[in-house]
PDB file of N, CA and C in Angstrom:
ATOM      1  N   UNK A   1      -3.792  13.338   6.225  1.00  0.00           N
ATOM      2  CA  UNK A   1      -3.563  11.937   5.969  1.00  0.00           C
ATOM      3  C   UNK A   1      -2.473  11.802   4.911  1.00  0.00           C
ATOM      4  N   UNK A   2      -1.639  10.795   5.048  1.00  0.00           N
ATOM      5  CA  UNK A   2      -0.579  10.479   4.105  1.00  0.00           C
ATOM      6  C   UNK A   2      -0.986   9.217   3.353  1.00  0.00           C
ATOM      7  N   UNK A   3      -0.799   9.187   2.027  1.00  0.00           N
ATOM      8  CA  UNK A   3      -1.170   8.021   1.218  1.00  0.00           C
ATOM      9  C   UNK A   3       0.004   7.569   0.370  1.00  0.00           C
ATOM     10  N   UNK A   4       0.052   6.264   0.111  1.00  0.00           N
ATOM     11  CA  UNK A   4       1.015   5.711  -0.836  1.00  0.00           C
ATOM     12  C   UNK A   4       0.260   4.845  -1.828  1.00  0.00           C
ATOM     13  N   UNK A   5       0.786   4.774  -3.045  1.00  0.00           N
ATOM     14  CA  UNK A   5       0.228   3.903  -4.074  1.00  0.00           C
ATOM     15  C   UNK A   5       1.382   3.112  -4.670  1.00  0.00           C
ATOM     16  N   UNK A   6       1.360   1.820  -4.460  1.00  0.00           N
ATOM     17  CA  UNK A   6       2.388   0.937  -5.015  1.00  0.00           C
ATOM     18  C   UNK A   6       1.826   0.301  -6.277  1.00  0.00           C
ATOM     19  N   UNK A   7       2.632   0.301  -7.325  1.00  0.00           N
ATOM     20  CA  UNK A   7       2.263  -0.294  -8.607  1.00  0.00           C
ATOM     21  C   UNK A   7       3.190  -1.469  -8.875  1.00  0.00           C
ATOM     22  N   UNK A   8       2.605  -2.602  -9.219  1.00  0.00           N
ATOM     23  CA  UNK A   8       3.390  -3.806  -9.512  1.00  0.00           C
ATOM     24  C   UNK A   8       2.637  -4.635 -10.550  1.00  0.00           C
ATOM     25  N   UNK A   9       3.123  -5.824 -10.778  1.00  0.00           N
ATOM     26  CA  UNK A   9       2.476  -6.743 -11.718  1.00  0.00           C
ATOM     27  C   UNK A   9       1.908  -7.922 -10.937  1.00  0.00           C
ATOM     28  N   UNK A  10       0.706  -8.365 -11.378  1.00  0.00           N
ATOM     29  CA  UNK A  10       0.051  -9.479 -10.709  1.00  0.00           C
ATOM     30  C   UNK A  10      -0.853 -10.183 -11.711  1.00  0.00           C
ATOM     31  N   UNK A  11      -0.813 -11.502 -11.713  1.00  0.00           N
ATOM     32  CA  UNK A  11      -1.728 -12.264 -12.548  1.00  0.00           C
ATOM     33  C   UNK A  11      -3.150 -12.063 -12.025  1.00  0.00           C
ATOM     34  N   UNK A  12      -4.120 -11.807 -12.900  1.00  0.00           N
ATOM     35  CA  UNK A  12      -5.488 -11.531 -12.446  1.00  0.00           C
ATOM     36  C   UNK A  12      -6.073 -12.592 -11.523  1.00  0.00           C
ATOM     37  N   UNK A  13      -5.729 -13.846 -11.724  1.00  0.00           N
ATOM     38  CA  UNK A  13      -6.288 -14.913 -10.891  1.00  0.00           C
ATOM     39  C   UNK A  13      -5.708 -14.927  -9.478  1.00  0.00           C
ATOM     40  N   UNK A  14      -4.694 -14.130  -9.226  1.00  0.00           N
ATOM     41  CA  UNK A  14      -4.069 -14.084  -7.900  1.00  0.00           C
ATOM     42  C   UNK A  14      -4.807 -13.195  -6.914  1.00  0.00           C
ATOM     43  N   UNK A  15      -5.759 -12.414  -7.365  1.00  0.00           N
ATOM     44  CA  UNK A  15      -6.468 -11.479  -6.498  1.00  0.00           C
ATOM     45  C   UNK A  15      -6.983 -12.078  -5.198  1.00  0.00           C
ATOM     46  N   UNK A  16      -7.735 -13.181  -5.247  1.00  0.00           N
ATOM     47  CA  UNK A  16      -8.242 -13.754  -3.993  1.00  0.00           C
ATOM     48  C   UNK A  16      -7.141 -14.191  -3.023  1.00  0.00           C
ATOM     49  N   UNK A  17      -6.057 -14.737  -3.541  1.00  0.00           N
ATOM     50  CA  UNK A  17      -4.954 -15.168  -2.668  1.00  0.00           C
ATOM     51  C   UNK A  17      -4.277 -13.978  -2.011  1.00  0.00           C
ATOM     52  N   UNK A  18      -4.065 -12.913  -2.761  1.00  0.00           N
ATOM     53  CA  UNK A  18      -3.454 -11.703  -2.214  1.00  0.00           C
ATOM     54  C   UNK A  18      -4.384 -11.075  -1.181  1.00  0.00           C
ATOM     55  N   UNK A  19      -5.670 -10.998  -1.501  1.00  0.00           N
ATOM     56  CA  UNK A  19      -6.642 -10.424  -0.558  1.00  0.00           C
ATOM     57  C   UNK A  19      -6.674 -11.212   0.745  1.00  0.00           C
ATOM     58  N   UNK A  20      -6.613 -12.530   0.653  1.00  0.00           N
ATOM     59  CA  UNK A  20      -6.639 -13.375   1.858  1.00  0.00           C
ATOM     60  C   UNK A  20      -5.424 -13.101   2.746  1.00  0.00           C
ATOM     61  N   UNK A  21      -4.254 -12.962   2.145  1.00  0.00           N
ATOM     62  CA  UNK A  21      -3.052 -12.685   2.930  1.00  0.00           C
ATOM     63  C   UNK A  21      -3.126 -11.323   3.601  1.00  0.00           C
ATOM     64  N   UNK A  22      -3.634 -10.327   2.884  1.00  0.00           N
ATOM     65  CA  UNK A  22      -3.769  -9.013   3.508  1.00  0.00           C
ATOM     66  C   UNK A  22      -4.852  -9.019   4.587  1.00  0.00           C
ATOM     67  N   UNK A  23      -5.915  -9.786   4.411  1.00  0.00           N
ATOM     68  CA  UNK A  23      -6.953  -9.860   5.444  1.00  0.00           C
ATOM     69  C   UNK A  23      -6.355 -10.416   6.740  1.00  0.00           C
ATOM     70  N   UNK A  24      -5.509 -11.429   6.626  1.00  0.00           N
ATOM     71  CA  UNK A  24      -4.845 -11.990   7.809  1.00  0.00           C
ATOM     72  C   UNK A  24      -3.896 -10.971   8.433  1.00  0.00           C
ATOM     73  N   UNK A  25      -3.123 -10.294   7.602  1.00  0.00           N
ATOM     74  CA  UNK A  25      -2.178  -9.287   8.078  1.00  0.00           C
ATOM     75  C   UNK A  25      -2.916  -8.135   8.766  1.00  0.00           C
ATOM     76  N   UNK A  26      -4.002  -7.683   8.141  1.00  0.00           N
ATOM     77  CA  UNK A  26      -4.743  -6.546   8.683  1.00  0.00           C
ATOM     78  C   UNK A  26      -5.539  -6.889   9.935  1.00  0.00           C
ATOM     79  N   UNK A  27      -5.731  -8.179  10.185  1.00  0.00           N
ATOM     80  CA  UNK A  27      -6.404  -8.602  11.420  1.00  0.00           C
ATOM     81  C   UNK A  27      -5.447  -8.589  12.611  1.00  0.00           C
ATOM     82  N   UNK A  28      -4.165  -8.414  12.355  1.00  0.00           N
ATOM     83  CA  UNK A  28      -3.160  -8.349  13.421  1.00  0.00           C
ATOM     84  C   UNK A  28      -3.023  -6.908  13.915  1.00  0.00           C
ATOM     85  N   UNK A  29      -2.045  -6.674  14.759  1.00  0.00           N
ATOM     86  CA  UNK A  29      -1.809  -5.316  15.262  1.00  0.00           C
ATOM     87  C   UNK A  29      -0.950  -4.475  14.315  1.00  0.00           C
ATOM     88  N   UNK A  30      -0.475  -5.073  13.220  1.00  0.00           N
ATOM     89  CA  UNK A  30       0.437  -4.356  12.325  1.00  0.00           C
ATOM     90  C   UNK A  30      -0.168  -3.081  11.730  1.00  0.00           C
ATOM     91  N   UNK A  31      -1.401  -3.081  11.232  1.00  0.00           N
ATOM     92  CA  UNK A  31      -1.923  -1.813  10.693  1.00  0.00           C
ATOM     93  C   UNK A  31      -1.902  -0.691  11.732  1.00  0.00           C
ATOM     94  N   UNK A  32      -2.248  -1.018  12.963  1.00  0.00           N
ATOM     95  CA  UNK A  32      -2.223  -0.010  14.028  1.00  0.00           C
ATOM     96  C   UNK A  32      -0.796   0.493  14.258  1.00  0.00           C
ATOM     97  N   UNK A  33       0.153  -0.424  14.303  1.00  0.00           N
ATOM     98  CA  UNK A  33       1.549  -0.041  14.538  1.00  0.00           C
ATOM     99  C   UNK A  33       2.103   0.810  13.407  1.00  0.00           C
ATOM    100  N   UNK A  34       1.628   0.569  12.196  1.00  0.00           N
ATOM    101  CA  UNK A  34       2.102   1.319  11.033  1.00  0.00           C
ATOM    102  C   UNK A  34       1.313   2.613  10.819  1.00  0.00           C
ATOM    103  N   UNK A  35       0.222   2.783  11.550  1.00  0.00           N
ATOM    104  CA  UNK A  35      -0.608   3.958  11.358  1.00  0.00           C
ATOM    105  C   UNK A  35      -1.521   3.848  10.146  1.00  0.00           C
ATOM    106  N   UNK A  36      -1.758   2.623   9.679  1.00  0.00           N
ATOM    107  CA  UNK A  36      -2.618   2.411   8.515  1.00  0.00           C
ATOM    108  C   UNK A  36      -4.069   2.674   8.882  1.00  0.00           C
ATOM    109  N   UNK A  37      -4.707   3.540   8.120  1.00  0.00           N
ATOM    110  CA  UNK A  37      -6.129   3.833   8.327  1.00  0.00           C
ATOM    111  C   UNK A  37      -6.990   3.076   7.328  1.00  0.00           C
ATOM    112  N   UNK A  38      -6.438   2.860   6.130  1.00  0.00           N
ATOM    113  CA  UNK A  38      -7.210   2.174   5.101  1.00  0.00           C
ATOM    114  C   UNK A  38      -6.256   1.575   4.075  1.00  0.00           C
ATOM    115  N   UNK A  39      -6.616   0.397   3.592  1.00  0.00           N
ATOM    116  CA  UNK A  39      -5.850  -0.266   2.529  1.00  0.00           C
ATOM    117  C   UNK A  39      -6.847  -0.668   1.451  1.00  0.00           C
ATOM    118  N   UNK A  40      -6.510  -0.381   0.209  1.00  0.00           N
ATOM    119  CA  UNK A  40      -7.328  -0.795  -0.914  1.00  0.00           C
ATOM    120  C   UNK A  40      -6.421  -1.422  -1.965  1.00  0.00           C
ATOM    121  N   UNK A  41      -6.847  -2.556  -2.497  1.00  0.00           N
ATOM    122  CA  UNK A  41      -6.088  -3.251  -3.528  1.00  0.00           C
ATOM    123  C   UNK A  41      -6.909  -3.253  -4.814  1.00  0.00           C
ATOM    124  N   UNK A  42      -6.248  -2.934  -5.921  1.00  0.00           N
ATOM    125  CA  UNK A  42      -6.899  -2.902  -7.224  1.00  0.00           C
ATOM    126  C   UNK A  42      -6.063  -3.698  -8.213  1.00  0.00           C
ATOM    127  N   UNK A  43      -6.715  -4.191  -9.242  1.00  0.00           N
ATOM    128  CA  UNK A  43      -5.981  -4.826 -10.334  1.00  0.00           C
ATOM    129  C   UNK A  43      -6.602  -4.398 -11.649  1.00  0.00           C
ATOM    130  N   UNK A  44      -5.750  -4.323 -12.657  1.00  0.00           N
ATOM    131  CA  UNK A  44      -6.192  -3.946 -13.989  1.00  0.00           C
ATOM    132  C   UNK A  44      -5.208  -4.505 -15.008  1.00  0.00           C
ATOM    133  N   UNK A  45      -5.674  -5.432 -15.828  1.00  0.00           N
ATOM    134  CA  UNK A  45      -4.892  -5.987 -16.928  1.00  0.00           C
ATOM    135  C   UNK A  45      -3.452  -6.358 -16.536  1.00  0.00           C
ATOM    136  N   UNK A  46      -3.343  -7.136 -15.501  1.00  0.00           N
ATOM    137  CA  UNK A  46      -2.030  -7.602 -15.078  1.00  0.00           C
ATOM    138  C   UNK A  46      -1.266  -6.647 -14.183  1.00  0.00           C
ATOM    139  N   UNK A  47      -1.878  -5.521 -13.853  1.00  0.00           N
ATOM    140  CA  UNK A  47      -1.238  -4.574 -12.937  1.00  0.00           C
ATOM    141  C   UNK A  47      -1.915  -4.650 -11.579  1.00  0.00           C
ATOM    142  N   UNK A  48      -1.156  -4.394 -10.555  1.00  0.00           N
ATOM    143  CA  UNK A  48      -1.591  -4.416  -9.159  1.00  0.00           C
ATOM    144  C   UNK A  48      -1.372  -3.025  -8.591  1.00  0.00           C
ATOM    145  N   UNK A  49      -2.380  -2.513  -7.903  1.00  0.00           N
ATOM    146  CA  UNK A  49      -2.309  -1.193  -7.279  1.00  0.00           C
ATOM    147  C   UNK A  49      -2.665  -1.351  -5.801  1.00  0.00           C
ATOM    148  N   UNK A  50      -1.788  -0.884  -4.947  1.00  0.00           N
ATOM    149  CA  UNK A  50      -1.964  -1.013  -3.498  1.00  0.00           C
ATOM    150  C   UNK A  50      -2.001   0.406  -2.923  1.00  0.00           C
ATOM    151  N   UNK A  51      -3.201   0.866  -2.603  1.00  0.00           N
ATOM    152  CA  UNK A  51      -3.393   2.201  -2.039  1.00  0.00           C
ATOM    153  C   UNK A  51      -3.519   2.064  -0.533  1.00  0.00           C
ATOM    154  N   UNK A  52      -2.644   2.763   0.175  1.00  0.00           N
ATOM    155  CA  UNK A  52      -2.635   2.685   1.637  1.00  0.00           C
ATOM    156  C   UNK A  52      -2.653   4.098   2.194  1.00  0.00           C
ATOM    157  N   UNK A  53      -3.609   4.343   3.102  1.00  0.00           N
ATOM    158  CA  UNK A  53      -3.734   5.638   3.756  1.00  0.00           C
ATOM    159  C   UNK A  53      -3.274   5.504   5.201  1.00  0.00           C
ATOM    160  N   UNK A  54      -2.505   6.488   5.644  1.00  0.00           N
ATOM    161  CA  UNK A  54      -1.947   6.507   6.996  1.00  0.00           C
ATOM    162  C   UNK A  54      -2.450   7.721   7.755  1.00  0.00           C
ATOM    163  N   UNK A  55      -2.403   7.640   9.079  1.00  0.00           N
ATOM    164  CA  UNK A  55      -2.679   8.820   9.878  1.00  0.00           C
ATOM    165  C   UNK A  55      -1.611   9.855   9.541  1.00  0.00           C
ATOM    166  N   UNK A  56      -1.906  11.100   9.783  1.00  0.00           N
ATOM    167  CA  UNK A  56      -1.004  12.190   9.388  1.00  0.00           C
ATOM    168  C   UNK A  56       0.390  12.060   9.987  1.00  0.00           C
ATOM    169  N   UNK A  57       0.495  11.471  11.172  1.00  0.00           N
ATOM    170  CA  UNK A  57       1.802  11.401  11.827  1.00  0.00           C
ATOM    171  C   UNK A  57       2.550  10.101  11.530  1.00  0.00           C
ATOM    172  N   UNK A  58       2.081   9.333  10.568  1.00  0.00           N
ATOM    173  CA  UNK A  58       2.746   8.085  10.187  1.00  0.00           C
ATOM    174  C   UNK A  58       3.099   8.145   8.706  1.00  0.00           C
ATOM    175  N   UNK A  59       3.466   7.046   8.151  1.00  0.00           N
ATOM    176  CA  UNK A  59       3.832   6.990   6.743  1.00  0.00           C
ATOM    177  C   UNK A  59       5.133   6.246   6.559  1.00  0.00           C
ATOM    178  N   UNK A  60       6.021   6.759   5.719  1.00  0.00           N
ATOM    179  CA  UNK A  60       7.273   6.041   5.444  1.00  0.00           C
ATOM    180  C   UNK A  60       8.081   5.697   6.695  1.00  0.00           C
ATOM    181  N   UNK A  61       8.125   6.592   7.651  1.00  0.00           N
ATOM    182  CA  UNK A  61       8.898   6.317   8.870  1.00  0.00           C
ATOM    183  C   UNK A  61       8.293   5.152   9.649  1.00  0.00           C
ATOM    184  N   UNK A  62       6.957   5.069   9.667  1.00  0.00           N
ATOM    185  CA  UNK A  62       6.305   3.963  10.379  1.00  0.00           C
ATOM    186  C   UNK A  62       6.559   2.642   9.683  1.00  0.00           C
ATOM    187  N   UNK A  63       6.572   2.646   8.358  1.00  0.00           N
ATOM    188  CA  UNK A  63       6.876   1.420   7.615  1.00  0.00           C
ATOM    189  C   UNK A  63       8.320   1.006   7.874  1.00  0.00           C
ATOM    190  N   UNK A  64       9.231   1.966   7.856  1.00  0.00           N
ATOM    191  CA  UNK A  64      10.635   1.659   8.131  1.00  0.00           C
ATOM    192  C   UNK A  64      10.807   1.054   9.525  1.00  0.00           C
ATOM    193  N   UNK A  65      10.001   1.511  10.474  1.00  0.00           N
ATOM    194  CA  UNK A  65      10.121   1.034  11.853  1.00  0.00           C
ATOM    195  C   UNK A  65       9.710  -0.431  12.005  1.00  0.00           C
ATOM    196  N   UNK A  66       8.860  -0.941  11.103  1.00  0.00           N
ATOM    197  CA  UNK A  66       8.405  -2.332  11.222  1.00  0.00           C
ATOM    198  C   UNK A  66       8.979  -3.227  10.119  1.00  0.00           C
ATOM    199  N   UNK A  67       9.826  -2.683   9.286  1.00  0.00           N
ATOM    200  CA  UNK A  67      10.349  -3.422   8.127  1.00  0.00           C
ATOM    201  C   UNK A  67      10.980  -4.769   8.502  1.00  0.00           C
ATOM    202  N   UNK A  68      11.582  -4.872   9.686  1.00  0.00           N
ATOM    203  CA  UNK A  68      12.219  -6.116  10.111  1.00  0.00           C
ATOM    204  C   UNK A  68      11.320  -6.976  10.996  1.00  0.00           C
ATOM    205  N   UNK A  69      10.102  -6.533  11.266  1.00  0.00           N
ATOM    206  CA  UNK A  69       9.166  -7.300  12.080  1.00  0.00           C
ATOM    207  C   UNK A  69       8.805  -8.595  11.350  1.00  0.00           C
ATOM    208  N   UNK A  70       8.760  -9.722  12.047  1.00  0.00           N
ATOM    209  CA  UNK A  70       8.450 -10.999  11.386  1.00  0.00           C
ATOM    210  C   UNK A  70       7.133 -10.989  10.601  1.00  0.00           C
ATOM    211  N   UNK A  71       6.120 -10.285  11.082  1.00  0.00           N
ATOM    212  CA  UNK A  71       4.842 -10.232  10.355  1.00  0.00           C
ATOM    213  C   UNK A  71       4.997  -9.482   9.038  1.00  0.00           C
ATOM    214  N   UNK A  72       5.733  -8.385   9.047  1.00  0.00           N
ATOM    215  CA  UNK A  72       5.959  -7.606   7.830  1.00  0.00           C
ATOM    216  C   UNK A  72       6.818  -8.394   6.849  1.00  0.00           C
ATOM    217  N   UNK A  73       7.878  -9.000   7.349  1.00  0.00           N
ATOM    218  CA  UNK A  73       8.745  -9.822   6.502  1.00  0.00           C
ATOM    219  C   UNK A  73       7.943 -10.989   5.935  1.00  0.00           C
ATOM    220  N   UNK A  74       7.089 -11.570   6.762  1.00  0.00           N
ATOM    221  CA  UNK A  74       6.289 -12.716   6.339  1.00  0.00           C
ATOM    222  C   UNK A  74       5.347 -12.398   5.196  1.00  0.00           C
ATOM    223  N   UNK A  75       4.602 -11.308   5.306  1.00  0.00           N
ATOM    224  CA  UNK A  75       3.676 -10.988   4.219  1.00  0.00           C
ATOM    225  C   UNK A  75       4.445 -10.604   2.965  1.00  0.00           C
ATOM    226  N   UNK A  76       5.563  -9.935   3.126  1.00  0.00           N
ATOM    227  CA  UNK A  76       6.381  -9.581   1.958  1.00  0.00           C
ATOM    228  C   UNK A  76       6.847 -10.846   1.231  1.00  0.00           C
ATOM    229  N   UNK A  77       7.259 -11.839   1.983  1.00  0.00           N
ATOM    230  CA  UNK A  77       7.694 -13.108   1.383  1.00  0.00           C
ATOM    231  C   UNK A  77       6.520 -13.847   0.742  1.00  0.00           C
ATOM    232  N   UNK A  78       5.379 -13.887   1.439  1.00  0.00           N
ATOM    233  CA  UNK A  78       4.194 -14.578   0.914  1.00  0.00           C
ATOM    234  C   UNK A  78       3.725 -13.966  -0.405  1.00  0.00           C
ATOM    235  N   UNK A  79       3.829 -12.651  -0.529  1.00  0.00           N
ATOM    236  CA  UNK A  79       3.324 -11.973  -1.721  1.00  0.00           C
ATOM    237  C   UNK A  79       4.228 -12.151  -2.934  1.00  0.00           C
ATOM    238  N   UNK A  80       5.481 -12.518  -2.714  1.00  0.00           N
ATOM    239  CA  UNK A  80       6.407 -12.696  -3.845  1.00  0.00           C
ATOM    240  C   UNK A  80       5.900 -13.739  -4.845  1.00  0.00           C
ATOM    241  N   UNK A  81       5.138 -14.691  -4.359  1.00  0.00           N
ATOM    242  CA  UNK A  81       4.566 -15.721  -5.230  1.00  0.00           C
ATOM    243  C   UNK A  81       3.552 -15.129  -6.213  1.00  0.00           C
ATOM    244  N   UNK A  82       2.925 -14.023  -5.843  1.00  0.00           N
ATOM    245  CA  UNK A  82       1.830 -13.464  -6.620  1.00  0.00           C
ATOM    246  C   UNK A  82       2.141 -12.124  -7.275  1.00  0.00           C
ATOM    247  N   UNK A  83       3.007 -11.342  -6.663  1.00  0.00           N
ATOM    248  CA  UNK A  83       3.240  -9.966  -7.104  1.00  0.00           C
ATOM    249  C   UNK A  83       4.693  -9.808  -7.519  1.00  0.00           C
ATOM    250  N   UNK A  84       4.883  -9.226  -8.682  1.00  0.00           N
ATOM    251  CA  UNK A  84       6.233  -8.997  -9.206  1.00  0.00           C
ATOM    252  C   UNK A  84       6.447  -7.505  -9.399  1.00  0.00           C
ATOM    253  N   UNK A  85       7.673  -7.084  -9.304  1.00  0.00           N
ATOM    254  CA  UNK A  85       8.017  -5.671  -9.500  1.00  0.00           C
ATOM    255  C   UNK A  85       7.584  -5.217 -10.889  1.00  0.00           C
ATOM    256  N   UNK A  86       7.117  -4.001 -10.973  1.00  0.00           N
ATOM    257  CA  UNK A  86       6.753  -3.430 -12.269  1.00  0.00           C
ATOM    258  C   UNK A  86       7.986  -3.357 -13.162  1.00  0.00           C
ATOM    259  N   UNK A  87       9.094  -2.912 -12.591  1.00  0.00           N
ATOM    260  CA  UNK A  87      10.355  -2.832 -13.328  1.00  0.00           C
ATOM    261  C   UNK A  87      11.435  -3.532 -12.494  1.00  0.00           C
ATOM    262  N   UNK A  88      11.627  -4.823 -12.703  1.00  0.00           N
ATOM    263  CA  UNK A  88      12.593  -5.577 -11.891  1.00  0.00           C
ATOM    264  C   UNK A  88      14.012  -5.016 -11.941  1.00  0.00           C
ATOM    265  N   UNK A  89      14.376  -4.335 -13.016  1.00  0.00           N
ATOM    266  CA  UNK A  89      15.740  -3.802 -13.143  1.00  0.00           C
ATOM    267  C   UNK A  89      16.014  -2.679 -12.151  1.00  0.00           C
ATOM    268  N   UNK A  90      14.968  -1.975 -11.710  1.00  0.00           N
ATOM    269  CA  UNK A  90      15.189  -0.837 -10.812  1.00  0.00           C
ATOM    270  C   UNK A  90      14.635  -1.058  -9.410  1.00  0.00           C
ATOM    271  N   UNK A  91      13.936  -2.165  -9.171  1.00  0.00           N
ATOM    272  CA  UNK A  91      13.286  -2.377  -7.881  1.00  0.00           C
ATOM    273  C   UNK A  91      14.275  -2.880  -6.831  1.00  0.00           C
ATOM    274  N   UNK A  92      14.307  -2.165  -5.690  1.00  0.00           N
ATOM    275  CA  UNK A  92      15.098  -2.578  -4.540  1.00  0.00           C
ATOM    276  C   UNK A  92      14.236  -2.638  -3.276  1.00  0.00           C
ATOM    277  N   UNK A  93      13.183  -1.824  -3.241  1.00  0.00           N
ATOM    278  CA  UNK A  93      12.288  -1.798  -2.092  1.00  0.00           C
ATOM    279  C   UNK A  93      10.931  -1.265  -2.557  1.00  0.00           C
ATOM    280  N   UNK A  94       9.892  -1.345  -1.713  1.00  0.00           N
ATOM    281  CA  UNK A  94       8.591  -0.812  -2.118  1.00  0.00           C
ATOM    282  C   UNK A  94       8.646   0.657  -2.549  1.00  0.00           C
ATOM    283  N   UNK A  95       9.583   1.403  -2.025  1.00  0.00           N
ATOM    284  CA  UNK A  95       9.702   2.817  -2.420  1.00  0.00           C
ATOM    285  C   UNK A  95       9.971   2.956  -3.918  1.00  0.00           C
ATOM    286  N   UNK A  96      10.597   1.956  -4.517  1.00  0.00           N
ATOM    287  CA  UNK A  96      10.888   1.996  -5.949  1.00  0.00           C
ATOM    288  C   UNK A  96       9.659   1.707  -6.801  1.00  0.00           C
ATOM    289  N   UNK A  97       8.550   1.341  -6.173  1.00  0.00           N
ATOM    290  CA  UNK A  97       7.322   1.031  -6.895  1.00  0.00           C
ATOM    291  C   UNK A  97       6.202   2.008  -6.563  1.00  0.00           C
ATOM    292  N   UNK A  98       6.516   3.059  -5.811  1.00  0.00           N
ATOM    293  CA  UNK A  98       5.479   4.001  -5.397  1.00  0.00           C
ATOM    294  C   UNK A  98       5.253   5.057  -6.463  1.00  0.00           C
ATOM    295  N   UNK A  99       3.975   5.205  -6.791  1.00  0.00           N
ATOM    296  CA  UNK A  99       3.590   6.227  -7.755  1.00  0.00           C
ATOM    297  C   UNK A  99       3.728   7.602  -7.119  1.00  0.00           C
ATOM    298  N   UNK A 100       3.899   8.605  -7.948  1.00  0.00           N
ATOM    299  CA  UNK A 100       4.014   9.985  -7.479  1.00  0.00           C
ATOM    300  C   UNK A 100       2.713  10.714  -7.776  1.00  0.00           C
ATOM    301  N   UNK A 101       2.084  11.251  -6.732  1.00  0.00           N
ATOM    302  CA  UNK A 101       0.844  11.992  -6.937  1.00  0.00           C
ATOM    303  C   UNK A 101       1.169  13.348  -7.540  1.00  0.00           C
ATOM    304  N   UNK A 102       0.445  13.701  -8.592  1.00  0.00           N
ATOM    305  CA  UNK A 102       0.660  14.994  -9.223  1.00  0.00           C
ATOM    306  C   UNK A 102      -0.594  15.855  -9.233  1.00  0.00           C
ATOM    307  N   UNK A 103      -1.697  15.354  -8.655  1.00  0.00           N
ATOM    308  CA  UNK A 103      -2.921  16.145  -8.527  1.00  0.00           C
ATOM    309  C   UNK A 103      -3.734  15.557  -7.394  1.00  0.00           C
ATOM    310  N   UNK A 104      -4.399  16.409  -6.653  1.00  0.00           N
ATOM    311  CA  UNK A 104      -5.257  15.963  -5.552  1.00  0.00           C
ATOM    312  C   UNK A 104      -6.443  16.909  -5.434  1.00  0.00           C
ATOM    313  N   UNK A 105      -7.617  16.346  -5.255  1.00  0.00           N
ATOM    314  CA  UNK A 105      -8.827  17.119  -5.009  1.00  0.00           C
ATOM    315  C   UNK A 105      -9.563  16.434  -3.882  1.00  0.00           C
ATOM    316  N   UNK A 106     -10.200  17.197  -3.035  1.00  0.00           N
ATOM    317  CA  UNK A 106     -10.957  16.655  -1.919  1.00  0.00           C
ATOM    318  C   UNK A 106     -12.243  17.446  -1.736  1.00  0.00           C
ATOM    319  N   UNK A 107     -13.351  16.754  -1.594  1.00  0.00           N
ATOM    320  CA  UNK A 107     -14.622  17.430  -1.341  1.00  0.00           C
ATOM    321  C   UNK A 107     -14.560  18.213  -0.040  1.00  0.00           C
ATOM    322  N   UNK A 108     -13.890  17.670   0.956  1.00  0.00           N
ATOM    323  CA  UNK A 108     -13.756  18.367   2.239  1.00  0.00           C
ATOM    324  C   UNK A 108     -13.003  19.676   2.059  1.00  0.00           C
ATOM    325  N   UNK A 109     -11.946  19.663   1.270  1.00  0.00           N
ATOM    326  CA  UNK A 109     -11.178  20.877   1.046  1.00  0.00           C
ATOM    327  C   UNK A 109     -12.005  21.906   0.277  1.00  0.00           C
ATOM    328  N   UNK A 110     -12.811  21.460  -0.664  1.00  0.00           N
ATOM    329  CA  UNK A 110     -13.678  22.356  -1.422  1.00  0.00           C
ATOM    330  C   UNK A 110     -14.705  22.979  -0.510  1.00  0.00           C
ATOM    331  N   UNK A 111     -15.273  22.167   0.378  1.00  0.00           N
ATOM    332  CA  UNK A 111     -16.280  22.670   1.314  1.00  0.00           C
ATOM    333  C   UNK A 111     -15.657  23.729   2.237  1.00  0.00           C
ATOM    334  N   UNK A 112     -14.445  23.501   2.675  1.00  0.00           N
ATOM    335  CA  UNK A 112     -13.767  24.458   3.549  1.00  0.00           C
ATOM    336  C   UNK A 112     -13.531  25.776   2.833  1.00  0.00           C
ATOM    337  N   UNK A 113     -13.101  25.713   1.579  1.00  0.00           N
ATOM    338  CA  UNK A 113     -12.837  26.925   0.811  1.00  0.00           C
ATOM    339  C   UNK A 113     -14.127  27.712   0.628  1.00  0.00           C
ATOM    340  N   UNK A 114     -15.226  27.000   0.353  1.00  0.00           N
ATOM    341  CA  UNK A 114     -16.507  27.669   0.145  1.00  0.00           C
ATOM    342  C   UNK A 114     -17.046  28.330   1.392  1.00  0.00           C
ATOM    343  N   UNK A 115     -16.589  27.927   2.569  1.00  0.00           N
ATOM    344  CA  UNK A 115     -17.085  28.476   3.829  1.00  0.00           C
ATOM    345  C   UNK A 115     -16.317  29.721   4.255  1.00  0.00           C
ATOM    346  N   UNK A 116     -15.243  30.046   3.580  1.00  0.00           N
ATOM    347  CA  UNK A 116     -14.428  31.194   4.006  1.00  0.00           C
ATOM    348  C   UNK A 116     -15.010  32.489   3.537  1.00  0.00           C
TER     349      UNK A 116
END
């Protein structure tokens, strides 16, 4: 599985509005087209965290393939009211807001190692 974590700024009271927009988006065929398996949204003291898991054969290329789709453009525009770039001086696309994973642990991987 491939995962991305986008970090941005969001007013705490915006959570329900952002969740509603993603619920509408995720009810469409877009998650399937993008290979999205799971989306989780978090907030903490004015920060917004968007964790998205993709099937192994999807990820950045799948997002690039739908970037011009009206549904994708629409949610991106709708979210601008609520979500701001973490660093507006360097932000050009969601890739500029993606965190870099530097450690990973999985219970499944541990179980596999123990079985060898």
